[in-house]
Structure formats: C-alpha cells, structure tokens
C-alpha cells in the first residue's frame, strides 16, 4: 500500500522472451526472435532512518502521526503513523487471525494517519492565516485587536471564546502568534470573508492533495460557501468563517498537508512537491540518478517583509518568554520556529 505499490512497475522491470523453433522431440532448432529482459530499478528513498526511528519512538504510546520534510526540495525525511504494524506479516500471505486482529483493532493500525487522517488543524494554521491577512491588507504588523476573552460578530450576541478566558487585551500580530490569541484570528478571518480566506489558504496546499508519490492520500477540506451548499444544502454563516480562522469548524488538514504548508512558510513562499523517492539506479554498475525536485507555484506576497513578520512570531513561540511552547526550546543549541495547536473534536 506504500512505496512498493506506487513504483511497482519500476521495481519489477519488464520480462524478456525467446521464440525458438523446435523439432518433434522438443529440441531447439532455430532461434526466431528474442527480447532481452529489462531489470527493475533500485530505488533510494529520502527517509532518514535515525529520524524515522525517533519519530516512531516518540509516538509509541500515542495514536498519531509525524511528518518531517526538507523545505529546500520537498524530500520526506520521516513519516510515522502510530499505532503501526509489522509489514513482514504480509510477505508470504497473512493469516486470517492476524489480519482480523489488525482490521478489528479499535486503534486502526492499518490506517495511515500521516496521509489519510483529516483532522481539525487548530491554531497550527495561524501563521498561514497571518500571511493571508497581511497580504490582503486586512491587518498590518502593528494593527491591534482588543482581546477580552471572546469575540462577537457585529450585531450578534453569540460569543466565540478565546482559550485565555481573561483575554489578551490589546494585541497585534507578533504577540497574537506567539500567544496564539483566538480573538485576533477570529477577527482576521471575519474581515477577510470566507471566499478570500479559503482562496489564500488553498495556496498553502490546504484542501487539496500534495500529490506525494504515495497512494491513498486524502485532500482533507478547506471549506467554502459553495461546498457547504452542495454538501448540506445550507447557507454559509459568518460564524463558520470565524471558526475556520482558528482551524476549527469544517476546516480539516492531514499531517502531511500541515508539514507541507510549514515548509512553504520556512521557504518564504517557495514550494516543492513532497516526495519520498530520492534517486534511482538501473544497474549496480551505474551511478544513482537523482530525482529532480518539482517546483510548485509560489505563494506570492505583496511585501517580502510579511514572511519575516510572521516567522518572528513563530520564533517567539518557542524562544520568547511568553511563547506557548517556550519549554520546548530549553537547552537547544540552535534557534528555530514553531507553532502550537490544540483542536476540539
């Protein structure tokens, strides 16, 4: 179901044949035709074994997924989905007992969460939403929103709560990212409107397959008013937009999509198709042939400074005194950027 299914024909090669005329006793008399076989290719993957093992070890007690991607070329360095299973069980034909145990397991070990799992991404999408807001002119790096613990759509009494009950007071872009203020992003999405918001987020790959070289990838869902009308025969409400602003409501993403979108952030808008095939070789006597990374359309912005504005907030998430993940950077010998997220399901 994985890389071997994707590249089955290249691994197998092509059979050859020899057409021979024989006599009445079956002895070869004349070779009429011949086609030499084509050996299958050797495939070299981008998976970093140590990183893959580490990812699986970190998830061993959990149901979840981890994806590590090289932003410079789209190579998948690790892709773990837990709980997993022993693929050797399938080599010579799996027994009914073993297959039933996997199929009926409530934790679904046969389900590849990294590729197929569609989950509410929660606050992990706020950096991409921030780029969308900046590029549309709805917010600036210095404009602020008053976070009083909840948000109300103008003319509506319903309260959309922030994770911080007492609120963040006056808050601008940088602090809204590193303290993950929901009110700021409720307001951003509402003022953009779902049409502009969905279109902007789709440029980061949400709501569509990355077309990674693995089968069965889900495209998850970047919702629109048209989608809701077709799916439920209902109108799109402003509250739906507000929820999408913090990665909730109808909005879902796969772990791979989220890794891909984050790689685009790290690349200041440049995008490469994710892939696990790094190189091929047709013979051990020949050198490897590297796979050329496929460049995708860039996420263009009107000002390059926007990327730095948002990434500064992501650095403060892990290195800032009040960042939501400040503990994760303790003792780190390098600086990095990140974003936390917690979704209600």
Protein backbone atom coordinates (compact mmCIF):
# COMPACT_ATOMS: atom_id res chain seq x y z
CA UNK A 1 0.00 0.00 0.00
CA UNK A 2 3.02 2.30 0.10
CA UNK A 3 6.14 2.99 -1.93
CA UNK A 4 6.13 -0.52 -3.46
CA UNK A 5 2.58 -0.05 -4.75
CA UNK A 6 3.47 3.37 -6.16
CA UNK A 7 6.54 2.16 -8.04
CA UNK A 8 5.55 -1.48 -8.71
CA UNK A 9 6.28 -1.37 -12.45
CA UNK A 10 9.68 0.28 -11.99
CA UNK A 11 10.71 -2.23 -9.34
CA UNK A 12 9.63 -5.22 -11.45
CA UNK A 13 11.12 -4.16 -14.77
CA UNK A 14 9.97 -5.99 -17.90
CA UNK A 15 10.10 -9.68 -18.74
CA UNK A 16 12.06 -10.81 -21.77
CA UNK A 17 11.34 -13.74 -24.10
CA UNK A 18 12.91 -16.06 -26.64
CA UNK A 19 10.94 -17.57 -29.55
CA UNK A 20 12.52 -20.80 -30.71
CA UNK A 21 11.62 -23.38 -33.35
CA UNK A 22 11.88 -26.98 -32.08
CA UNK A 23 11.69 -30.39 -33.73
CA UNK A 24 9.25 -33.19 -32.98
CA UNK A 25 11.36 -34.20 -29.99
CA UNK A 26 11.29 -30.69 -28.50
CA UNK A 27 14.92 -29.95 -29.30
CA UNK A 28 15.68 -26.31 -30.25
CA UNK A 29 16.48 -25.91 -33.94
CA UNK A 30 16.28 -22.21 -34.75
CA UNK A 31 16.00 -19.02 -32.73
CA UNK A 32 13.26 -16.91 -34.36
CA UNK A 33 13.05 -13.92 -32.09
CA UNK A 34 14.43 -12.63 -28.83
CA UNK A 35 13.84 -9.73 -26.45
CA UNK A 36 16.17 -9.15 -23.56
CA UNK A 37 14.59 -8.59 -20.13
CA UNK A 38 14.80 -5.17 -18.52
CA UNK A 39 15.85 -5.36 -14.90
CA UNK A 40 13.89 -3.49 -12.29
CA UNK A 41 15.28 -0.27 -10.88
CA UNK A 42 16.80 0.15 -7.46
CA UNK A 43 15.03 2.90 -5.54
CA UNK A 44 16.72 5.13 -2.99
CA UNK A 45 14.41 6.94 -0.58
CA UNK A 46 14.72 10.27 1.17
CA UNK A 47 13.77 8.74 4.54
CA UNK A 48 16.38 9.39 7.22
CA UNK A 49 16.45 6.15 9.21
CA UNK A 50 17.53 7.70 12.53
CA UNK A 51 14.87 10.39 12.27
CA UNK A 52 12.21 7.84 11.29
CA UNK A 53 13.06 5.67 14.28
CA UNK A 54 12.99 8.70 16.58
CA UNK A 55 9.58 9.78 15.29
CA UNK A 56 8.14 6.32 15.88
CA UNK A 57 9.66 6.13 19.36
CA UNK A 58 8.12 9.48 20.33
CA UNK A 59 4.70 8.28 19.19
CA UNK A 60 4.91 4.78 20.67
CA UNK A 61 2.40 5.49 23.45
CA UNK A 62 0.07 7.56 21.28
CA UNK A 63 -2.30 7.40 18.34
CA UNK A 64 -0.91 10.00 15.98
CA UNK A 65 1.39 10.94 13.15
CA UNK A 66 4.60 12.83 12.49
CA UNK A 67 5.98 14.17 9.22
CA UNK A 68 9.40 15.73 8.68
CA UNK A 69 10.06 17.42 5.35
CA UNK A 70 13.08 19.20 3.88
CA UNK A 71 11.82 22.65 2.79
CA UNK A 72 14.66 23.01 0.27
CA UNK A 73 13.44 20.25 -2.03
CA UNK A 74 10.29 18.58 -0.66
CA UNK A 75 12.05 15.37 0.43
CA UNK A 76 10.21 13.46 3.16
CA UNK A 77 12.75 12.73 5.90
CA UNK A 78 10.36 10.90 8.22
CA UNK A 79 6.73 9.85 8.10
CA UNK A 80 5.34 7.93 11.04
CA UNK A 81 1.82 6.77 11.78
CA UNK A 82 1.06 5.08 15.07
CA UNK A 83 -0.01 2.56 16.03
CA UNK A 84 1.67 0.67 13.23
CA UNK A 85 2.01 -3.00 12.28
CA UNK A 86 4.64 -5.47 11.15
CA UNK A 87 4.63 -5.50 7.32
CA UNK A 88 6.50 -8.82 7.32
CA UNK A 89 3.19 -10.47 8.23
CA UNK A 90 2.04 -9.83 4.64
CA UNK A 91 5.10 -11.15 2.78
CA UNK A 92 4.02 -14.77 2.36
CA UNK A 93 0.29 -14.16 2.84
CA UNK A 94 -1.12 -13.04 6.17
CA UNK A 95 -3.22 -15.45 8.21
CA UNK A 96 -6.91 -14.84 8.82
CA UNK A 97 -6.26 -14.48 12.55
CA UNK A 98 -3.53 -11.89 12.13
CA UNK A 99 -5.45 -9.89 9.53
CA UNK A 100 -8.64 -9.89 11.57
CA UNK A 101 -6.67 -8.69 14.59
CA UNK A 102 -5.35 -5.72 12.57
CA UNK A 103 -8.67 -4.98 10.84
CA UNK A 104 -10.75 -5.08 14.00
CA UNK A 105 -8.30 -3.19 16.22
CA UNK A 106 -10.07 -0.11 17.59
CA UNK A 107 -6.86 1.92 17.15
CA UNK A 108 -6.82 1.20 13.37
CA UNK A 109 -3.15 0.32 12.78
CA UNK A 110 -3.81 -0.16 9.03
CA UNK A 111 -4.90 3.49 8.73
CA UNK A 112 -2.05 5.78 7.64
CA UNK A 113 -2.76 8.86 9.71
CA UNK A 114 0.02 10.92 8.11
CA UNK A 115 -1.57 10.66 4.64
CA UNK A 116 -5.20 9.81 5.25
CA UNK A 117 -6.05 11.35 8.59
CA UNK A 118 -8.14 14.54 8.22
CA UNK A 119 -8.07 16.48 11.48
CA UNK A 120 -9.02 19.98 12.62
CA UNK A 121 -5.59 21.69 12.48
CA UNK A 122 -6.45 24.20 15.19
CA UNK A 123 -4.01 27.01 15.86
CA UNK A 124 -1.21 25.42 13.83
CA UNK A 125 -2.58 27.24 10.76
CA UNK A 126 -2.43 30.71 12.33
CA UNK A 127 0.93 31.62 10.72
CA UNK A 128 -0.53 30.91 7.27
CA UNK A 129 -3.68 32.83 8.19
CA UNK A 130 -1.47 35.73 9.29
CA UNK A 131 0.22 35.80 5.87
CA UNK A 132 -3.22 35.78 4.25
CA UNK A 133 -4.35 38.69 6.43
CA UNK A 134 -1.22 40.74 5.77
CA UNK A 135 -1.28 40.12 2.04
CA UNK A 136 -4.96 41.07 1.78
CA UNK A 137 -4.40 44.29 3.73
CA UNK A 138 -6.91 43.25 6.41
CA UNK A 139 -4.20 43.50 9.10
CA UNK A 140 -0.76 45.04 9.40
CA UNK A 141 2.17 44.03 11.57
CA UNK A 142 1.26 46.81 14.03
CA UNK A 143 -2.54 46.95 13.90
CA UNK A 144 -4.16 45.53 17.01
CA UNK A 145 -7.35 43.90 18.23
CA UNK A 146 -8.73 44.07 21.72
CA UNK A 147 -8.90 40.56 23.10
CA UNK A 148 -11.34 40.42 26.00
CA UNK A 149 -11.59 36.66 26.17
CA UNK A 150 -14.20 36.29 23.46
CA UNK A 151 -15.21 37.60 20.04
CA UNK A 152 -18.62 38.71 18.85
CA UNK A 153 -19.67 39.18 15.26
CA UNK A 154 -21.06 42.70 14.87
CA UNK A 155 -24.80 42.62 15.58
CA UNK A 156 -24.68 39.11 17.05
CA UNK A 157 -24.72 38.18 20.74
CA UNK A 158 -23.00 34.81 20.39
CA UNK A 159 -19.56 34.69 21.99
CA UNK A 160 -16.69 32.86 20.31
CA UNK A 161 -14.33 32.09 23.17
CA UNK A 162 -10.57 32.52 23.32
CA UNK A 163 -8.51 29.83 25.02
CA UNK A 164 -7.45 32.50 27.52
CA UNK A 165 -10.61 33.35 29.44
CA UNK A 166 -9.39 36.76 30.69
CA UNK A 167 -8.26 37.73 27.20
CA UNK A 168 -5.04 39.21 25.83
CA UNK A 169 -6.05 42.87 25.98
CA UNK A 170 -4.73 44.93 23.02
CA UNK A 171 -2.78 42.52 20.84
CA UNK A 172 -1.01 42.85 17.49
CA UNK A 173 0.37 40.29 15.04
CA UNK A 174 3.58 39.18 16.77
CA UNK A 175 2.02 38.51 20.16
CA UNK A 176 -1.13 37.08 18.55
CA UNK A 177 1.07 34.37 17.03
CA UNK A 178 3.30 33.54 19.97
CA UNK A 179 0.45 33.63 22.47
CA UNK A 180 -1.99 32.12 19.95
CA UNK A 181 -4.78 34.63 20.53
CA UNK A 182 -8.01 33.24 19.10
CA UNK A 183 -9.81 36.60 19.09
CA UNK A 184 -7.19 38.11 16.76
CA UNK A 185 -7.69 35.34 14.20
CA UNK A 186 -11.47 35.24 14.60
CA UNK A 187 -11.46 38.91 13.61
CA UNK A 188 -8.95 38.41 10.78
CA UNK A 189 -11.00 35.65 9.12
CA UNK A 190 -14.29 37.50 9.58
CA UNK A 191 -12.94 40.64 7.93
CA UNK A 192 -11.39 38.68 5.06
CA UNK A 193 -14.56 36.69 4.41
CA UNK A 194 -14.59 33.00 3.61
CA UNK A 195 -14.05 33.45 -0.13
CA UNK A 196 -10.77 35.34 0.22
CA UNK A 197 -9.69 33.34 3.25
CA UNK A 198 -10.23 29.93 1.62
CA UNK A 199 -8.50 31.00 -1.57
CA UNK A 200 -5.49 32.31 0.35
CA UNK A 201 -5.19 29.17 2.49
CA UNK A 202 -5.52 26.93 -0.56
CA UNK A 203 -2.30 28.47 -1.87
CA UNK A 204 -0.55 26.77 1.06
CA UNK A 205 -1.97 23.44 -0.11
CA UNK A 206 -4.93 23.10 2.23
CA UNK A 207 -7.97 21.33 0.81
CA UNK A 208 -6.02 19.59 -1.96
CA UNK A 209 -3.68 16.64 -2.33
CA UNK A 210 0.04 17.36 -2.32
CA UNK A 211 0.38 14.60 -4.97
CA UNK A 212 3.15 12.96 -2.98
CA UNK A 213 4.46 9.76 -4.59
CA UNK A 214 2.44 7.55 -2.24
CA UNK A 215 -1.09 6.18 -2.78
CA UNK A 216 -4.31 6.87 -0.88
CA UNK A 217 -3.61 10.48 0.11
CA UNK A 218 -6.60 12.43 1.43
CA UNK A 219 -7.21 16.02 0.37
CA UNK A 220 -8.98 16.88 3.65
CA UNK A 221 -11.13 20.04 3.48
CA UNK A 222 -10.67 23.77 3.05
CA UNK A 223 -14.35 24.78 3.26
CA UNK A 224 -16.17 27.33 1.12
CA UNK A 225 -19.74 28.59 0.94
CA UNK A 226 -20.23 26.63 -2.29
CA UNK A 227 -19.01 23.42 -0.63
CA UNK A 228 -21.44 23.80 2.28
CA UNK A 229 -24.35 24.45 -0.05
CA UNK A 230 -23.59 21.33 -2.09
CA UNK A 231 -22.80 19.16 0.92
CA UNK A 232 -25.56 20.17 3.31
CA UNK A 233 -27.87 22.40 1.23
CA UNK A 234 -27.36 25.14 3.81
CA UNK A 235 -26.14 28.72 3.78
CA UNK A 236 -22.67 29.70 4.93
CA UNK A 237 -22.83 31.74 8.11
CA UNK A 238 -20.33 34.32 9.42
CA UNK A 239 -19.77 32.03 12.41
CA UNK A 240 -18.48 29.35 10.03
CA UNK A 241 -15.85 31.81 8.83
CA UNK A 242 -14.89 32.73 12.38
CA UNK A 243 -14.32 29.07 13.27
CA UNK A 244 -12.23 28.49 10.14
CA UNK A 245 -10.00 31.36 11.26
CA UNK A 246 -8.60 29.22 14.07
CA UNK A 247 -8.51 25.93 12.15
CA UNK A 248 -11.81 24.62 13.52
CA UNK A 249 -15.33 24.09 12.23
CA UNK A 250 -15.36 22.38 8.84
CA UNK A 251 -11.63 23.01 8.25
CA UNK A 252 -9.54 19.82 8.26
CA UNK A 253 -5.98 19.01 7.23
CA UNK A 254 -3.69 15.99 7.03
CA UNK A 255 -0.38 15.94 8.90
CA UNK A 256 1.37 15.88 5.51
CA UNK A 257 -0.50 19.00 4.35
CA UNK A 258 0.46 20.79 7.54
CA UNK A 259 4.13 19.84 7.15
CA UNK A 260 4.00 20.99 3.51
CA UNK A 261 2.42 24.33 4.47
CA UNK A 262 5.02 24.85 7.19
CA UNK A 263 7.80 24.11 4.70
CA UNK A 264 6.34 26.83 2.47
CA UNK A 265 6.48 29.22 5.44
CA UNK A 266 10.13 28.33 6.05
CA UNK A 267 10.84 28.91 2.35
CA UNK A 268 9.21 32.37 2.28
CA UNK A 269 6.62 31.15 -0.20
CA UNK A 270 8.64 28.78 -2.38
CA UNK A 271 7.02 25.39 -2.71
CA UNK A 272 8.16 21.91 -3.76
CA UNK A 273 6.09 18.78 -4.26
CA UNK A 274 6.65 16.37 -1.36
CA UNK A 275 8.29 13.10 -2.39
CA UNK A 276 9.97 10.05 -0.86
CA UNK A 277 11.89 8.87 -3.94
CA UNK A 278 15.35 10.47 -3.85
CA UNK A 279 17.20 8.60 -6.61
CA UNK A 280 17.05 5.56 -8.90
CA UNK A 281 19.60 3.15 -10.34
CA UNK A 282 19.16 0.70 -13.23
CA UNK A 283 22.33 -1.26 -12.52
CA UNK A 284 24.78 -1.62 -9.68
CA UNK A 285 27.50 -0.75 -12.17
CA UNK A 286 25.90 2.62 -12.89
CA UNK A 287 25.63 5.71 -10.67
CA UNK A 288 22.42 6.77 -8.99
CA UNK A 289 20.17 9.16 -10.90
CA UNK A 290 18.84 11.82 -8.50
CA UNK A 291 15.19 12.81 -8.66
CA UNK A 292 14.80 16.45 -9.67
CA UNK A 293 12.59 18.27 -7.13
CA UNK A 294 9.38 19.55 -8.69
CA UNK A 295 8.82 23.23 -8.07
CA UNK A 296 5.22 24.25 -7.43
CA UNK A 297 3.67 27.72 -7.82
CA UNK A 298 4.95 30.05 -5.12
CA UNK A 299 2.78 31.74 -2.53
CA UNK A 300 3.37 35.30 -3.62
CA UNK A 301 3.01 38.24 -1.26
CA UNK A 302 2.99 41.96 -1.93
CA UNK A 303 5.82 42.58 0.55
CA UNK A 304 8.59 40.11 1.38
CA UNK A 305 8.70 41.61 4.87
CA UNK A 306 5.44 39.80 5.66
CA UNK A 307 7.29 36.47 5.86
CA UNK A 308 9.77 37.87 8.37
CA UNK A 309 6.97 39.44 10.43
CA UNK A 310 5.18 36.11 10.82
CA UNK A 311 8.29 33.96 11.27
CA UNK A 312 9.44 36.31 14.04
CA UNK A 313 6.25 35.44 15.89
CA UNK A 314 6.90 31.72 15.30
CA UNK A 315 10.42 32.05 16.73
CA UNK A 316 8.92 33.72 19.78
CA UNK A 317 6.53 30.77 20.20
CA UNK A 318 9.49 28.62 21.26
CA UNK A 319 12.14 31.15 22.36
CA UNK A 320 10.01 34.01 23.70
CA UNK A 321 9.47 34.49 27.42
CA UNK A 322 5.70 34.14 26.99
CA UNK A 323 5.60 31.79 23.98
CA UNK A 324 3.13 28.91 24.15
CA UNK A 325 5.94 26.38 23.53
CA UNK A 326 8.78 28.13 25.35
CA UNK A 327 9.64 24.98 27.30
CA UNK A 328 10.49 23.04 24.13
CA UNK A 329 13.49 25.26 23.36
CA UNK A 330 15.12 24.85 26.77
CA UNK A 331 18.74 23.86 26.25
CA UNK A 332 18.53 23.97 22.44
CA UNK A 333 21.81 24.78 20.72
CA UNK A 334 20.06 26.49 17.81
CA UNK A 335 17.12 28.80 17.14
CA UNK A 336 14.02 27.54 15.45
CA UNK A 337 10.41 28.48 14.76
CA UNK A 338 7.20 26.66 15.57
CA UNK A 339 3.50 26.88 16.36
CA UNK A 340 1.35 25.08 18.88
CA UNK A 341 -2.18 23.94 18.25
CA UNK A 342 -4.97 22.29 20.19
CA UNK A 343 -8.22 21.41 18.46
CA UNK A 344 -11.58 20.42 19.85
CA UNK A 345 -13.08 17.42 18.05
